[in-house]
Amino acid sequence: MMLRILRNALIGMVVLGFAGTALAQDWEGGDVAPAEESSAPSEEATVGGGDKPISVGLLLGYGISFEDGPNIWGLGFGLRGGYNIDAIFLGARFVYYLGESEEVLGAEFSANLWELGIEGGYDIPVGPVIIRPGLGLGIANVSIDVEASPLVAAAGGGSASETNPYLALGGSVLYDIDEQFFVGGDMRLQFVFGDGGDGTALIILANGGMRF
């Protein structure tokens, strides 16, 4: 039995020697070892924009109201700017929403909203993208115009506006095209607190911009 063990060990050493020689020849010939290929680092997004912490971007999207009556959000567009302190993002935004019109008892009701606020978030790299959960605070101005039909002149007409505070909870997903340009998307649940009633909406916005 001892002779069999020694023989098997000798055969194994010879096989390993040939395999090692072949791998060494492949390496010297410029081939990359499979183990080294698998250990190559994957691309990961840079937190805080690297050496370009200032960002300015455009916003475009839609707000879906959860309240009865005309949708005061609707199609929206605006601007956002901010500054990164490492992974912490601090910024401001302005978005104007076109709202919606609705006919009630022969009178045309049109309502829309604009918002101005500040926001903060925390950048988390997930592969090639940044996920930024955040919180927004600001003011929202709601405008309502009423245009009465000639058949319902008694309904009268006119316009009114009201400015109230809002709170927004949500986040962003950002992808850096290169060191300067980025694209992404926002989703947030927004609450407007008013004396005449509160408003709630789900807002989805695409965004894109530049870093400085």
N, C-alpha and C. Protein backbone atom coordinates (compact mmCIF):
# COMPACT_ATOMS: atom_id res chain seq x y z
N MET A 1 0.82 -1.20 0.00
CA MET A 1 0.00 0.00 0.00
C MET A 1 0.86 1.26 0.00
N MET A 2 1.96 1.20 0.75
CA MET A 2 2.85 2.36 0.81
C MET A 2 3.39 2.70 -0.57
N LEU A 3 3.72 1.67 -1.36
CA LEU A 3 4.23 1.90 -2.71
C LEU A 3 3.17 2.57 -3.58
N ARG A 4 1.90 2.16 -3.40
CA ARG A 4 0.82 2.74 -4.20
C ARG A 4 0.65 4.21 -3.86
N ILE A 5 0.73 4.56 -2.57
CA ILE A 5 0.57 5.96 -2.16
C ILE A 5 1.69 6.81 -2.73
N LEU A 6 2.95 6.27 -2.65
CA LEU A 6 4.09 7.03 -3.18
C LEU A 6 3.96 7.22 -4.68
N ARG A 7 3.47 6.18 -5.37
CA ARG A 7 3.32 6.28 -6.82
C ARG A 7 2.28 7.33 -7.18
N ASN A 8 1.14 7.33 -6.49
CA ASN A 8 0.09 8.31 -6.76
C ASN A 8 0.57 9.73 -6.47
N ALA A 9 1.34 9.89 -5.40
CA ALA A 9 1.86 11.20 -5.06
C ALA A 9 2.83 11.69 -6.13
N LEU A 10 3.69 10.79 -6.63
CA LEU A 10 4.63 11.15 -7.67
C LEU A 10 3.92 11.56 -8.94
N ILE A 11 2.87 10.80 -9.31
CA ILE A 11 2.09 11.14 -10.50
C ILE A 11 1.44 12.51 -10.34
N GLY A 12 0.88 12.77 -9.13
CA GLY A 12 0.25 14.05 -8.88
C GLY A 12 1.23 15.21 -8.99
N MET A 13 2.46 15.04 -8.46
CA MET A 13 3.47 16.09 -8.55
C MET A 13 3.85 16.37 -9.98
N VAL A 14 3.94 15.31 -10.80
CA VAL A 14 4.28 15.49 -12.21
C VAL A 14 3.19 16.26 -12.93
N VAL A 15 1.91 15.89 -12.67
CA VAL A 15 0.78 16.58 -13.31
C VAL A 15 0.76 18.05 -12.92
N LEU A 16 0.94 18.34 -11.63
CA LEU A 16 0.95 19.73 -11.17
C LEU A 16 2.10 20.51 -11.79
N GLY A 17 3.25 19.83 -11.96
CA GLY A 17 4.40 20.49 -12.57
C GLY A 17 4.12 20.88 -13.99
N PHE A 18 3.51 19.97 -14.76
CA PHE A 18 3.15 20.29 -16.15
C PHE A 18 2.11 21.42 -16.20
N ALA A 19 1.10 21.37 -15.29
CA ALA A 19 0.07 22.42 -15.28
C ALA A 19 0.68 23.77 -14.94
N GLY A 20 1.58 23.79 -13.95
CA GLY A 20 2.21 25.05 -13.57
C GLY A 20 3.05 25.61 -14.70
N THR A 21 3.75 24.75 -15.42
CA THR A 21 4.56 25.22 -16.55
C THR A 21 3.69 25.82 -17.65
N ALA A 22 2.55 25.16 -17.91
CA ALA A 22 1.65 25.66 -18.95
C ALA A 22 1.07 27.02 -18.57
N LEU A 23 0.67 27.18 -17.29
CA LEU A 23 0.12 28.46 -16.85
C LEU A 23 1.16 29.56 -16.90
N ALA A 24 2.40 29.22 -16.54
CA ALA A 24 3.47 30.22 -16.59
C ALA A 24 3.72 30.66 -18.02
N GLN A 25 3.69 29.71 -18.97
CA GLN A 25 3.90 30.07 -20.37
C GLN A 25 2.77 30.98 -20.87
N ASP A 26 1.51 30.66 -20.46
CA ASP A 26 0.38 31.49 -20.87
C ASP A 26 0.52 32.89 -20.30
N TRP A 27 0.95 33.02 -19.05
CA TRP A 27 1.11 34.33 -18.41
C TRP A 27 2.19 35.15 -19.10
N GLU A 28 3.32 34.50 -19.42
CA GLU A 28 4.40 35.20 -20.09
C GLU A 28 3.98 35.62 -21.49
N GLY A 29 3.07 34.88 -22.08
CA GLY A 29 2.60 35.22 -23.43
C GLY A 29 1.61 36.36 -23.44
N GLY A 30 1.26 36.90 -22.26
CA GLY A 30 0.35 38.06 -22.21
C GLY A 30 -1.07 37.71 -21.86
N ASP A 31 -1.37 36.41 -21.63
CA ASP A 31 -2.74 36.05 -21.27
C ASP A 31 -3.01 36.45 -19.82
N VAL A 32 -4.26 36.85 -19.54
CA VAL A 32 -4.63 37.22 -18.19
C VAL A 32 -5.25 36.01 -17.51
N ALA A 33 -4.79 35.73 -16.33
CA ALA A 33 -5.29 34.59 -15.60
C ALA A 33 -6.77 34.78 -15.28
N PRO A 34 -7.59 33.69 -15.37
CA PRO A 34 -9.02 33.82 -15.11
C PRO A 34 -9.31 34.38 -13.73
N ALA A 35 -8.52 33.98 -12.72
CA ALA A 35 -8.77 34.46 -11.36
C ALA A 35 -8.61 35.97 -11.27
N GLU A 36 -7.66 36.51 -12.05
CA GLU A 36 -7.43 37.95 -11.99
C GLU A 36 -8.55 38.70 -12.69
N GLU A 37 -9.14 38.10 -13.74
CA GLU A 37 -10.26 38.72 -14.42
C GLU A 37 -11.45 38.83 -13.49
N SER A 38 -11.74 37.78 -12.73
CA SER A 38 -12.91 37.78 -11.86
C SER A 38 -12.75 38.72 -10.68
N SER A 39 -11.48 39.04 -10.32
CA SER A 39 -11.27 39.91 -9.17
C SER A 39 -11.18 41.39 -9.56
N ALA A 40 -11.42 41.73 -10.84
CA ALA A 40 -11.36 43.13 -11.27
C ALA A 40 -12.46 43.92 -10.60
N PRO A 41 -12.19 45.13 -10.08
CA PRO A 41 -13.21 45.90 -9.38
C PRO A 41 -14.31 46.36 -10.33
N SER A 42 -15.58 46.34 -9.84
CA SER A 42 -16.70 46.78 -10.66
C SER A 42 -16.86 48.29 -10.56
N GLU A 43 -17.49 48.88 -11.58
CA GLU A 43 -17.71 50.32 -11.61
C GLU A 43 -18.67 50.73 -10.51
N GLU A 44 -18.34 51.78 -9.77
CA GLU A 44 -19.19 52.25 -8.69
C GLU A 44 -19.29 53.77 -8.75
N ALA A 45 -20.50 54.28 -8.49
CA ALA A 45 -20.73 55.72 -8.56
C ALA A 45 -19.91 56.45 -7.50
N THR A 46 -19.54 57.69 -7.81
CA THR A 46 -18.76 58.52 -6.89
C THR A 46 -19.71 59.33 -6.02
N VAL A 47 -19.60 59.16 -4.71
CA VAL A 47 -20.45 59.88 -3.77
C VAL A 47 -20.01 61.34 -3.69
N GLY A 48 -20.98 62.25 -3.66
CA GLY A 48 -20.68 63.67 -3.48
C GLY A 48 -20.19 64.38 -4.71
N GLY A 49 -20.20 63.72 -5.87
CA GLY A 49 -19.77 64.37 -7.09
C GLY A 49 -18.27 64.52 -7.24
N GLY A 50 -17.48 63.86 -6.37
CA GLY A 50 -16.03 63.95 -6.48
C GLY A 50 -15.54 65.37 -6.23
N ASP A 51 -14.78 65.90 -7.17
CA ASP A 51 -14.26 67.28 -7.02
C ASP A 51 -15.21 68.31 -7.63
N LYS A 52 -16.47 67.91 -7.94
CA LYS A 52 -17.48 68.84 -8.46
C LYS A 52 -18.72 68.75 -7.56
N PRO A 53 -18.69 69.40 -6.39
CA PRO A 53 -19.79 69.25 -5.42
C PRO A 53 -21.04 70.05 -5.75
N ILE A 54 -20.96 71.04 -6.65
CA ILE A 54 -22.12 71.87 -6.99
C ILE A 54 -22.86 71.24 -8.17
N SER A 55 -24.18 71.15 -8.06
CA SER A 55 -24.99 70.58 -9.15
C SER A 55 -26.17 71.48 -9.46
N VAL A 56 -26.48 71.58 -10.75
CA VAL A 56 -27.64 72.34 -11.24
C VAL A 56 -28.35 71.47 -12.26
N GLY A 57 -29.68 71.36 -12.14
CA GLY A 57 -30.39 70.49 -13.05
C GLY A 57 -31.79 70.97 -13.40
N LEU A 58 -32.37 70.40 -14.46
CA LEU A 58 -33.74 70.66 -14.90
C LEU A 58 -34.64 69.54 -14.42
N LEU A 59 -35.89 69.87 -14.13
CA LEU A 59 -36.88 68.90 -13.67
C LEU A 59 -38.07 68.90 -14.61
N LEU A 60 -38.58 67.73 -14.92
CA LEU A 60 -39.76 67.60 -15.80
C LEU A 60 -40.50 66.34 -15.42
N GLY A 61 -41.81 66.48 -15.17
CA GLY A 61 -42.57 65.29 -14.80
C GLY A 61 -44.04 65.58 -14.57
N TYR A 62 -44.64 64.82 -13.64
CA TYR A 62 -46.08 64.86 -13.45
C TYR A 62 -46.41 64.63 -11.98
N GLY A 63 -47.41 65.36 -11.50
CA GLY A 63 -47.92 65.18 -10.14
C GLY A 63 -49.33 64.62 -10.17
N ILE A 64 -49.58 63.57 -9.41
CA ILE A 64 -50.89 62.91 -9.37
C ILE A 64 -51.55 63.23 -8.04
N SER A 65 -52.64 63.99 -8.09
CA SER A 65 -53.33 64.40 -6.87
C SER A 65 -54.17 63.26 -6.31
N PHE A 66 -54.21 63.16 -4.98
CA PHE A 66 -55.05 62.18 -4.30
C PHE A 66 -56.36 62.81 -3.81
N GLU A 67 -56.61 64.07 -4.19
CA GLU A 67 -57.79 64.77 -3.71
C GLU A 67 -58.87 64.83 -4.79
N ASP A 68 -60.10 65.10 -4.37
CA ASP A 68 -61.21 65.28 -5.32
C ASP A 68 -61.06 66.63 -6.01
N GLY A 69 -61.70 66.76 -7.18
CA GLY A 69 -61.65 68.02 -7.92
C GLY A 69 -60.49 68.05 -8.89
N PRO A 70 -60.24 69.23 -9.49
CA PRO A 70 -59.15 69.35 -10.47
C PRO A 70 -57.79 69.01 -9.85
N ASN A 71 -56.95 68.41 -10.65
CA ASN A 71 -55.58 68.09 -10.21
C ASN A 71 -54.74 69.36 -10.25
N ILE A 72 -54.39 69.91 -9.09
CA ILE A 72 -53.64 71.16 -9.06
C ILE A 72 -52.18 70.97 -9.44
N TRP A 73 -51.72 69.71 -9.56
CA TRP A 73 -50.35 69.44 -9.96
C TRP A 73 -50.28 69.24 -11.49
N GLY A 74 -50.48 68.05 -11.96
CA GLY A 74 -50.39 67.80 -13.40
C GLY A 74 -48.95 67.89 -13.90
N LEU A 75 -48.81 68.31 -15.17
CA LEU A 75 -47.49 68.44 -15.77
C LEU A 75 -46.70 69.54 -15.08
N GLY A 76 -45.44 69.23 -14.73
CA GLY A 76 -44.61 70.21 -14.05
C GLY A 76 -43.21 70.29 -14.61
N PHE A 77 -42.59 71.46 -14.46
CA PHE A 77 -41.22 71.65 -14.91
C PHE A 77 -40.55 72.68 -14.00
N GLY A 78 -39.24 72.57 -13.83
CA GLY A 78 -38.56 73.51 -12.95
C GLY A 78 -37.06 73.31 -12.90
N LEU A 79 -36.47 73.85 -11.83
CA LEU A 79 -35.02 73.85 -11.65
C LEU A 79 -34.67 73.37 -10.25
N ARG A 80 -33.48 72.78 -10.13
CA ARG A 80 -32.96 72.41 -8.82
C ARG A 80 -31.46 72.65 -8.79
N GLY A 81 -30.97 73.16 -7.67
CA GLY A 81 -29.54 73.34 -7.47
C GLY A 81 -29.16 72.86 -6.09
N GLY A 82 -27.90 72.45 -5.94
CA GLY A 82 -27.51 71.96 -4.63
C GLY A 82 -26.01 71.85 -4.47
N TYR A 83 -25.63 71.46 -3.27
CA TYR A 83 -24.22 71.33 -2.91
C TYR A 83 -24.05 70.08 -2.06
N ASN A 84 -23.00 69.31 -2.36
CA ASN A 84 -22.70 68.10 -1.61
C ASN A 84 -21.58 68.34 -0.61
N ILE A 85 -21.83 67.99 0.64
CA ILE A 85 -20.78 67.92 1.66
C ILE A 85 -20.54 66.44 1.89
N ASP A 86 -19.59 65.89 1.15
CA ASP A 86 -19.40 64.44 1.09
C ASP A 86 -20.71 63.80 0.63
N ALA A 87 -21.29 62.90 1.44
CA ALA A 87 -22.51 62.21 1.02
C ALA A 87 -23.77 62.99 1.33
N ILE A 88 -23.67 64.09 2.06
CA ILE A 88 -24.84 64.88 2.43
C ILE A 88 -25.13 65.91 1.34
N PHE A 89 -26.39 65.90 0.84
CA PHE A 89 -26.80 66.84 -0.20
C PHE A 89 -27.73 67.88 0.40
N LEU A 90 -27.47 69.16 0.11
CA LEU A 90 -28.33 70.27 0.51
C LEU A 90 -28.67 71.08 -0.73
N GLY A 91 -29.96 71.35 -0.94
CA GLY A 91 -30.32 72.04 -2.18
C GLY A 91 -31.63 72.80 -2.08
N ALA A 92 -32.04 73.36 -3.21
CA ALA A 92 -33.29 74.10 -3.34
C ALA A 92 -33.90 73.80 -4.70
N ARG A 93 -35.22 73.94 -4.77
CA ARG A 93 -35.91 73.67 -6.04
C ARG A 93 -37.09 74.61 -6.23
N PHE A 94 -37.41 74.84 -7.51
CA PHE A 94 -38.62 75.55 -7.89
C PHE A 94 -39.28 74.76 -9.01
N VAL A 95 -40.56 74.43 -8.84
CA VAL A 95 -41.29 73.67 -9.86
C VAL A 95 -42.65 74.33 -10.08
N TYR A 96 -43.02 74.52 -11.35
CA TYR A 96 -44.30 75.08 -11.73
C TYR A 96 -45.14 73.98 -12.37
N TYR A 97 -46.35 73.78 -11.85
CA TYR A 97 -47.26 72.75 -12.37
C TYR A 97 -48.42 73.42 -13.11
N LEU A 98 -48.77 72.88 -14.26
CA LEU A 98 -49.80 73.47 -15.11
C LEU A 98 -51.22 73.22 -14.59
N GLY A 99 -51.38 72.22 -13.75
CA GLY A 99 -52.69 71.95 -13.16
C GLY A 99 -53.69 71.36 -14.14
N GLU A 100 -54.97 71.63 -13.86
CA GLU A 100 -56.03 71.00 -14.63
C GLU A 100 -57.28 71.86 -14.58
N SER A 101 -58.15 71.68 -15.57
CA SER A 101 -59.43 72.39 -15.61
C SER A 101 -60.57 71.39 -15.50
N GLU A 102 -61.68 71.86 -14.93
CA GLU A 102 -62.85 70.99 -14.75
C GLU A 102 -64.12 71.84 -14.80
N GLU A 103 -65.15 71.33 -15.47
CA GLU A 103 -66.41 72.05 -15.57
C GLU A 103 -67.38 71.55 -14.53
N VAL A 104 -67.93 72.49 -13.74
CA VAL A 104 -68.89 72.15 -12.70
C VAL A 104 -70.08 73.10 -12.80
N LEU A 105 -71.28 72.58 -13.07
CA LEU A 105 -72.51 73.37 -13.15
C LEU A 105 -72.37 74.54 -14.12
N GLY A 106 -71.73 74.30 -15.25
CA GLY A 106 -71.61 75.32 -16.27
C GLY A 106 -70.48 76.30 -16.05
N ALA A 107 -69.74 76.16 -14.95
CA ALA A 107 -68.60 77.05 -14.68
C ALA A 107 -67.30 76.28 -14.86
N GLU A 108 -66.29 76.94 -15.43
CA GLU A 108 -65.00 76.31 -15.70
C GLU A 108 -64.03 76.64 -14.54
N PHE A 109 -63.61 75.60 -13.85
CA PHE A 109 -62.66 75.75 -12.76
C PHE A 109 -61.27 75.34 -13.24
N SER A 110 -60.28 76.21 -13.08
CA SER A 110 -58.89 75.90 -13.42
C SER A 110 -58.04 76.08 -12.17
N ALA A 111 -57.19 75.12 -11.90
CA ALA A 111 -56.36 75.20 -10.70
C ALA A 111 -54.95 74.71 -11.02
N ASN A 112 -53.97 75.38 -10.45
CA ASN A 112 -52.58 74.94 -10.62
C ASN A 112 -51.77 75.34 -9.40
N LEU A 113 -50.50 74.94 -9.39
CA LEU A 113 -49.66 75.13 -8.20
C LEU A 113 -48.22 75.35 -8.61
N TRP A 114 -47.52 76.20 -7.85
CA TRP A 114 -46.06 76.26 -7.95
C TRP A 114 -45.48 76.08 -6.56
N GLU A 115 -44.29 75.55 -6.50
CA GLU A 115 -43.65 75.29 -5.20
C GLU A 115 -42.22 75.80 -5.19
N LEU A 116 -41.79 76.25 -4.02
CA LEU A 116 -40.42 76.71 -3.81
C LEU A 116 -39.98 76.16 -2.47
N GLY A 117 -38.87 75.43 -2.46
CA GLY A 117 -38.48 74.82 -1.21
C GLY A 117 -37.01 74.44 -1.13
N ILE A 118 -36.64 73.97 0.03
CA ILE A 118 -35.30 73.44 0.28
C ILE A 118 -35.41 71.94 0.49
N GLU A 119 -34.30 71.24 0.30
CA GLU A 119 -34.32 69.80 0.47
C GLU A 119 -32.95 69.30 0.92
N GLY A 120 -32.97 68.15 1.54
CA GLY A 120 -31.73 67.52 1.98
C GLY A 120 -31.80 66.03 1.74
N GLY A 121 -30.65 65.42 1.50
CA GLY A 121 -30.63 63.99 1.25
C GLY A 121 -29.27 63.40 1.58
N TYR A 122 -29.19 62.09 1.48
CA TYR A 122 -27.95 61.37 1.77
C TYR A 122 -27.65 60.43 0.62
N ASP A 123 -26.49 60.58 -0.01
CA ASP A 123 -26.13 59.79 -1.19
C ASP A 123 -25.59 58.42 -0.80
N ILE A 124 -26.19 57.39 -1.39
CA ILE A 124 -25.77 56.01 -1.15
C ILE A 124 -25.41 55.39 -2.49
N PRO A 125 -24.14 54.99 -2.71
CA PRO A 125 -23.77 54.37 -3.98
C PRO A 125 -24.27 52.93 -4.06
N VAL A 126 -24.94 52.61 -5.15
CA VAL A 126 -25.39 51.24 -5.40
C VAL A 126 -24.97 50.90 -6.83
N GLY A 127 -23.80 50.29 -6.97
CA GLY A 127 -23.27 50.03 -8.30
C GLY A 127 -22.97 51.34 -9.01
N PRO A 128 -23.43 51.49 -10.25
CA PRO A 128 -23.12 52.71 -11.01
C PRO A 128 -24.06 53.88 -10.72
N VAL A 129 -25.03 53.72 -9.81
CA VAL A 129 -25.98 54.80 -9.54
C VAL A 129 -25.89 55.26 -8.09
N ILE A 130 -26.43 56.45 -7.85
CA ILE A 130 -26.56 57.00 -6.51
C ILE A 130 -28.03 56.99 -6.13
N ILE A 131 -28.36 56.41 -4.98
CA ILE A 131 -29.71 56.49 -4.43
C ILE A 131 -29.68 57.51 -3.30
N ARG A 132 -30.59 58.50 -3.39
CA ARG A 132 -30.58 59.62 -2.44
C ARG A 132 -31.94 59.76 -1.75
N PRO A 133 -32.17 59.09 -0.63
CA PRO A 133 -33.39 59.36 0.14
C PRO A 133 -33.32 60.76 0.71
N GLY A 134 -34.48 61.43 0.80
CA GLY A 134 -34.42 62.82 1.24
C GLY A 134 -35.74 63.35 1.77
N LEU A 135 -35.67 64.60 2.24
CA LEU A 135 -36.79 65.30 2.83
C LEU A 135 -36.84 66.71 2.26
N GLY A 136 -38.04 67.20 1.93
CA GLY A 136 -38.19 68.55 1.39
C GLY A 136 -39.18 69.38 2.19
N LEU A 137 -38.88 70.68 2.34
CA LEU A 137 -39.75 71.62 3.04
C LEU A 137 -39.85 72.89 2.21
N GLY A 138 -41.03 73.54 2.22
CA GLY A 138 -41.14 74.77 1.47
C GLY A 138 -42.54 75.33 1.49
N ILE A 139 -42.82 76.17 0.47
CA ILE A 139 -44.15 76.75 0.32
C ILE A 139 -44.72 76.36 -1.05
N ALA A 140 -46.04 76.22 -1.06
CA ALA A 140 -46.75 75.90 -2.30
C ALA A 140 -47.87 76.91 -2.49
N ASN A 141 -47.93 77.53 -3.66
CA ASN A 141 -48.95 78.51 -3.98
C ASN A 141 -49.98 77.89 -4.91
N VAL A 142 -51.23 77.83 -4.46
CA VAL A 142 -52.32 77.26 -5.24
C VAL A 142 -53.17 78.39 -5.81
N SER A 143 -53.37 78.39 -7.13
CA SER A 143 -54.20 79.41 -7.79
C SER A 143 -55.43 78.74 -8.39
N ILE A 144 -56.60 79.39 -8.21
CA ILE A 144 -57.86 78.87 -8.75
C ILE A 144 -58.55 79.99 -9.53
N ASP A 145 -58.91 79.70 -10.77
CA ASP A 145 -59.66 80.64 -11.62
C ASP A 145 -61.01 80.03 -11.95
N VAL A 146 -62.04 80.85 -11.85
CA VAL A 146 -63.40 80.40 -12.15
C VAL A 146 -63.95 81.28 -13.26
N GLU A 147 -64.36 80.64 -14.36
CA GLU A 147 -64.95 81.35 -15.50
C GLU A 147 -66.37 80.84 -15.69
N ALA A 148 -67.35 81.69 -15.41
CA ALA A 148 -68.75 81.27 -15.48
C ALA A 148 -69.26 81.25 -16.92
N SER A 149 -70.13 80.31 -17.20
CA SER A 149 -70.78 80.24 -18.51
C SER A 149 -71.84 81.33 -18.62
N PRO A 150 -72.10 81.86 -19.83
CA PRO A 150 -73.18 82.87 -20.00
C PRO A 150 -74.52 82.35 -19.53
N LEU A 151 -74.73 81.03 -19.61
CA LEU A 151 -76.00 80.45 -19.18
C LEU A 151 -76.11 80.39 -17.65
N VAL A 152 -74.98 80.51 -16.98
CA VAL A 152 -74.98 80.45 -15.52
C VAL A 152 -74.30 81.72 -15.00
N ALA A 153 -74.80 82.86 -15.39
CA ALA A 153 -74.16 84.12 -15.02
C ALA A 153 -74.18 84.34 -13.53
N ALA A 154 -75.20 83.78 -12.86
CA ALA A 154 -75.31 83.98 -11.41
C ALA A 154 -74.15 83.35 -10.66
N ALA A 155 -73.48 82.39 -11.30
CA ALA A 155 -72.36 81.72 -10.63
C ALA A 155 -71.18 82.65 -10.47
N GLY A 156 -71.17 83.72 -11.29
CA GLY A 156 -70.06 84.67 -11.20
C GLY A 156 -68.75 84.05 -11.63
N GLY A 157 -67.67 84.74 -11.33
CA GLY A 157 -66.34 84.24 -11.68
C GLY A 157 -65.31 84.92 -10.81
N GLY A 158 -64.07 84.72 -11.17
CA GLY A 158 -63.01 85.35 -10.39
C GLY A 158 -61.85 84.41 -10.18
N SER A 159 -60.92 84.83 -9.36
CA SER A 159 -59.74 84.02 -9.10
C SER A 159 -59.30 84.22 -7.66
N ALA A 160 -58.54 83.25 -7.16
CA ALA A 160 -58.03 83.31 -5.80
C ALA A 160 -56.75 82.49 -5.74
N SER A 161 -55.93 82.84 -4.77
CA SER A 161 -54.69 82.08 -4.57
C SER A 161 -54.39 82.00 -3.09
N GLU A 162 -53.64 80.97 -2.72
CA GLU A 162 -53.31 80.74 -1.32
C GLU A 162 -51.94 80.09 -1.25
N THR A 163 -51.11 80.56 -0.33
CA THR A 163 -49.78 80.01 -0.15
C THR A 163 -49.70 79.28 1.19
N ASN A 164 -49.26 78.03 1.15
CA ASN A 164 -49.23 77.20 2.35
C ASN A 164 -47.92 76.41 2.41
N PRO A 165 -47.54 75.94 3.59
CA PRO A 165 -46.33 75.13 3.71
C PRO A 165 -46.55 73.71 3.17
N TYR A 166 -45.46 73.10 2.76
CA TYR A 166 -45.54 71.70 2.32
C TYR A 166 -44.39 70.89 2.91
N LEU A 167 -44.62 69.60 2.97
CA LEU A 167 -43.62 68.62 3.39
C LEU A 167 -43.57 67.53 2.33
N ALA A 168 -42.37 67.13 1.92
CA ALA A 168 -42.21 66.09 0.89
C ALA A 168 -41.26 65.01 1.38
N LEU A 169 -41.65 63.77 1.18
CA LEU A 169 -40.82 62.61 1.54
C LEU A 169 -40.58 61.80 0.27
N GLY A 170 -39.34 61.42 0.03
CA GLY A 170 -39.06 60.64 -1.17
C GLY A 170 -37.58 60.46 -1.39
N GLY A 171 -37.20 60.46 -2.66
CA GLY A 171 -35.80 60.25 -2.98
C GLY A 171 -35.53 60.37 -4.46
N SER A 172 -34.24 60.25 -4.80
CA SER A 172 -33.78 60.37 -6.18
C SER A 172 -32.87 59.21 -6.52
N VAL A 173 -32.82 58.90 -7.81
CA VAL A 173 -31.83 57.96 -8.35
C VAL A 173 -31.05 58.72 -9.42
N LEU A 174 -29.72 58.77 -9.30
CA LEU A 174 -28.88 59.56 -10.20
C LEU A 174 -27.82 58.68 -10.85
N TYR A 175 -27.54 58.98 -12.12
CA TYR A 175 -26.50 58.26 -12.87
C TYR A 175 -25.59 59.27 -13.53
N ASP A 176 -24.30 59.17 -13.26
CA ASP A 176 -23.32 60.07 -13.87
C ASP A 176 -22.93 59.59 -15.26
N ILE A 177 -23.26 60.39 -16.28
CA ILE A 177 -22.83 60.07 -17.64
C ILE A 177 -21.31 60.20 -17.74
N ASP A 178 -20.78 61.25 -17.14
CA ASP A 178 -19.34 61.43 -17.00
C ASP A 178 -19.11 62.28 -15.76
N GLU A 179 -17.94 62.88 -15.61
CA GLU A 179 -17.64 63.64 -14.40
C GLU A 179 -18.47 64.92 -14.28
N GLN A 180 -19.09 65.37 -15.39
CA GLN A 180 -19.81 66.64 -15.37
C GLN A 180 -21.31 66.50 -15.52
N PHE A 181 -21.78 65.59 -16.36
CA PHE A 181 -23.20 65.49 -16.66
C PHE A 181 -23.83 64.28 -15.97
N PHE A 182 -25.10 64.45 -15.56
CA PHE A 182 -25.83 63.37 -14.90
C PHE A 182 -27.29 63.38 -15.34
N VAL A 183 -27.95 62.24 -15.18
CA VAL A 183 -29.39 62.12 -15.41
C VAL A 183 -29.98 61.31 -14.24
N GLY A 184 -31.29 61.35 -14.12
CA GLY A 184 -31.90 60.59 -13.04
C GLY A 184 -33.39 60.80 -12.95
N GLY A 185 -33.94 60.42 -11.81
CA GLY A 185 -35.37 60.56 -11.59
C GLY A 185 -35.68 60.77 -10.11
N ASP A 186 -36.79 61.47 -9.85
CA ASP A 186 -37.26 61.74 -8.48
C ASP A 186 -38.64 61.12 -8.30
N MET A 187 -38.90 60.66 -7.08
CA MET A 187 -40.25 60.27 -6.69
C MET A 187 -40.47 60.73 -5.25
N ARG A 188 -41.56 61.47 -5.03
CA ARG A 188 -41.81 61.98 -3.68
C ARG A 188 -43.30 62.07 -3.40
N LEU A 189 -43.64 61.88 -2.15
CA LEU A 189 -45.01 62.05 -1.68
C LEU A 189 -45.07 63.41 -1.00
N GLN A 190 -45.94 64.29 -1.52
CA GLN A 190 -45.96 65.67 -1.05
C GLN A 190 -47.28 65.99 -0.34
N PHE A 191 -47.15 66.69 0.79
CA PHE A 191 -48.30 67.09 1.59
C PHE A 191 -48.32 68.61 1.69
N VAL A 192 -49.41 69.23 1.25
CA VAL A 192 -49.60 70.68 1.37
C VAL A 192 -50.64 70.92 2.46
N PHE A 193 -50.28 71.76 3.44
CA PHE A 193 -51.15 71.99 4.59
C PHE A 193 -51.80 73.37 4.46
N GLY A 194 -53.13 73.39 4.23
CA GLY A 194 -53.82 74.65 4.01
C GLY A 194 -55.01 74.83 4.93
N ASP A 195 -55.41 76.08 5.15
CA ASP A 195 -56.58 76.37 5.98
C ASP A 195 -57.86 75.84 5.32
N GLY A 196 -57.89 75.89 3.99
CA GLY A 196 -59.08 75.43 3.28
C GLY A 196 -59.06 73.94 2.99
N GLY A 197 -58.10 73.22 3.50
CA GLY A 197 -57.99 71.79 3.24
C GLY A 197 -56.59 71.43 2.79
N ASP A 198 -56.18 70.24 3.14
CA ASP A 198 -54.84 69.77 2.79
C ASP A 198 -54.85 69.12 1.41
N GLY A 199 -53.68 69.07 0.80
CA GLY A 199 -53.54 68.40 -0.49
C GLY A 199 -52.40 67.40 -0.45
N THR A 200 -52.59 66.27 -1.11
CA THR A 200 -51.57 65.23 -1.14
C THR A 200 -51.40 64.76 -2.58
N ALA A 201 -50.15 64.54 -2.98
CA ALA A 201 -49.89 64.09 -4.35
C ALA A 201 -48.64 63.22 -4.40
N LEU A 202 -48.62 62.35 -5.40
CA LEU A 202 -47.42 61.58 -5.74
C LEU A 202 -46.79 62.27 -6.94
N ILE A 203 -45.53 62.68 -6.79
CA ILE A 203 -44.86 63.45 -7.84
C ILE A 203 -43.69 62.64 -8.39
N ILE A 204 -43.65 62.50 -9.71
CA ILE A 204 -42.58 61.76 -10.40
C ILE A 204 -41.94 62.71 -11.40
N LEU A 205 -40.65 62.96 -11.25
CA LEU A 205 -39.93 63.91 -12.11
C LEU A 205 -38.66 63.29 -12.66
N ALA A 206 -38.41 63.49 -13.94
CA ALA A 206 -37.10 63.17 -14.53
C ALA A 206 -36.20 64.39 -14.33
N ASN A 207 -34.90 64.16 -14.20
CA ASN A 207 -34.00 65.29 -14.05
C ASN A 207 -32.69 65.02 -14.75
N GLY A 208 -32.01 66.08 -15.08
CA GLY A 208 -30.71 65.99 -15.71
C GLY A 208 -29.99 67.32 -15.55
N GLY A 209 -28.67 67.28 -15.47
CA GLY A 209 -27.96 68.53 -15.27
C GLY A 209 -26.47 68.39 -15.30
N MET A 210 -25.80 69.35 -14.66
CA MET A 210 -24.34 69.43 -14.69
C MET A 210 -23.78 69.61 -13.28
N ARG A 211 -22.53 69.18 -13.12
CA ARG A 211 -21.80 69.39 -11.87
C ARG A 211 -20.66 70.38 -12.10
N PHE A 212 -20.36 71.15 -11.07
CA PHE A 212 -19.28 72.14 -11.15
C PHE A 212 -18.35 72.00 -9.94
